[in-house]
Amino acid sequence: AGAAPRALAPETLWAALYLGAVPSALCGYLQAAAQKTVPPSAASVVYATDPLWAAAFAGIFLGERLGPAGWGGAGLIAAAALSQNLLLQRREPPE
């Protein structure tokens, strides 16, 4: 017979509840609500930059730093999002 499972620390439980409520549920709700107000093509460009925002917030709040490959990837993502946005502006007639 195996050992009995250990009880989780209160900090672990709070972290799990927070991660389930804020980044998952709240962000999912806000994303769905915002997608009703913008064209799908514009929303896809914004969501493609998600890794850039994650890296920026990790740098601000956690002190993490990107290496050369990370900066290269961030540059490629930013360039792709910018070029896609410029192409969309050309294609879509102004309202």
Protein backbone atom coordinates (compact mmCIF):
# COMPACT_ATOMS: atom_id res chain seq x y z
CA ALA A 1 0.00 0.00 0.00
CA GLY A 2 1.24 3.48 -0.89
CA ALA A 3 1.55 6.43 1.42
CA ALA A 4 -1.47 8.62 2.04
CA PRO A 5 -1.61 11.77 -0.09
CA ARG A 6 -0.33 14.91 1.60
CA ALA A 7 -2.61 17.85 2.22
CA LEU A 8 -1.97 20.85 0.01
CA ALA A 9 -0.70 24.03 1.58
CA PRO A 10 -3.24 26.89 1.72
CA GLU A 11 -1.02 28.95 -0.61
CA THR A 12 -1.23 26.21 -3.22
CA LEU A 13 -5.01 26.08 -2.99
CA TRP A 14 -5.31 29.88 -3.28
CA ALA A 15 -2.96 29.88 -6.26
CA ALA A 16 -5.04 27.18 -7.98
CA LEU A 17 -8.28 29.09 -7.32
CA TYR A 18 -6.75 32.33 -8.59
CA LEU A 19 -5.40 30.69 -11.74
CA GLY A 20 -8.78 29.13 -12.42
CA ALA A 21 -10.70 32.35 -11.84
CA VAL A 22 -8.60 35.19 -13.23
CA PRO A 23 -6.51 34.06 -16.21
CA SER A 24 -8.88 31.31 -17.27
CA ALA A 25 -12.46 32.33 -16.56
CA LEU A 26 -12.20 36.13 -16.47
CA CYS A 27 -9.87 36.42 -19.46
CA GLY A 28 -11.99 33.97 -21.44
CA TYR A 29 -15.11 36.01 -20.70
CA LEU A 30 -13.41 39.30 -21.60
CA GLN A 31 -12.03 37.80 -24.81
CA ALA A 32 -15.47 36.57 -25.89
CA ALA A 33 -17.05 39.94 -25.05
CA ALA A 34 -14.37 41.89 -26.93
CA GLN A 35 -14.57 39.67 -29.99
CA LYS A 36 -18.15 40.87 -30.51
CA THR A 37 -16.87 44.40 -31.16
CA VAL A 38 -13.93 43.82 -33.52
CA PRO A 39 -13.58 41.95 -36.81
CA PRO A 40 -12.13 38.43 -36.53
CA SER A 41 -9.10 39.41 -38.59
CA ALA A 42 -8.21 42.20 -36.14
CA ALA A 43 -8.78 39.94 -33.13
CA SER A 44 -6.44 37.30 -34.56
CA VAL A 45 -3.65 39.88 -34.89
CA VAL A 46 -4.10 40.92 -31.25
CA TYR A 47 -4.14 37.33 -30.00
CA ALA A 48 -1.02 36.51 -32.01
CA THR A 49 0.90 38.96 -29.79
CA ASP A 50 -0.03 37.05 -26.62
CA PRO A 51 3.51 35.62 -26.19
CA LEU A 52 4.91 39.17 -26.31
CA TRP A 53 2.59 40.28 -23.50
CA ALA A 54 3.46 37.20 -21.46
CA ALA A 55 7.18 37.91 -21.83
CA ALA A 56 6.70 41.60 -21.00
CA PHE A 57 4.72 40.88 -17.83
CA ALA A 58 7.18 38.15 -16.81
CA GLY A 59 9.94 40.72 -17.14
CA ILE A 60 8.05 43.39 -15.21
CA PHE A 61 6.66 41.27 -12.38
CA LEU A 62 9.06 38.34 -12.16
CA GLY A 63 12.33 39.88 -13.32
CA GLU A 64 12.73 37.36 -16.15
CA ARG A 65 14.89 38.29 -19.12
CA LEU A 66 14.87 37.14 -22.73
CA GLY A 67 17.97 35.69 -24.33
CA PRO A 68 19.00 36.35 -27.94
CA ALA A 69 16.66 33.69 -29.33
CA GLY A 70 13.77 35.08 -27.26
CA TRP A 71 14.39 38.60 -28.56
CA GLY A 72 14.60 37.24 -32.10
CA GLY A 73 11.30 35.41 -31.68
CA ALA A 74 9.67 38.48 -30.14
CA GLY A 75 10.87 40.56 -33.08
CA LEU A 76 9.46 38.08 -35.58
CA ILE A 77 6.08 37.98 -33.80
CA ALA A 78 5.93 41.79 -33.62
CA ALA A 79 6.92 42.14 -37.28
CA ALA A 80 4.32 39.57 -38.37
CA ALA A 81 1.57 41.25 -36.31
CA LEU A 82 2.49 44.70 -37.64
CA SER A 83 2.65 43.58 -41.26
CA GLN A 84 -0.65 41.70 -40.94
CA ASN A 85 -2.26 44.78 -39.41
CA LEU A 86 -1.00 46.97 -42.26
CA LEU A 87 -2.31 44.49 -44.83
CA LEU A 88 -5.71 44.40 -43.12
CA GLN A 89 -5.92 48.19 -43.12
CA ARG A 90 -5.29 48.23 -46.87
CA ARG A 91 -7.90 45.57 -47.59
CA GLU A 92 -10.75 46.70 -45.32
CA PRO A 93 -12.65 49.79 -46.44
CA PRO A 94 -12.92 52.57 -43.83
CA GLU A 95 -16.22 52.82 -42.00
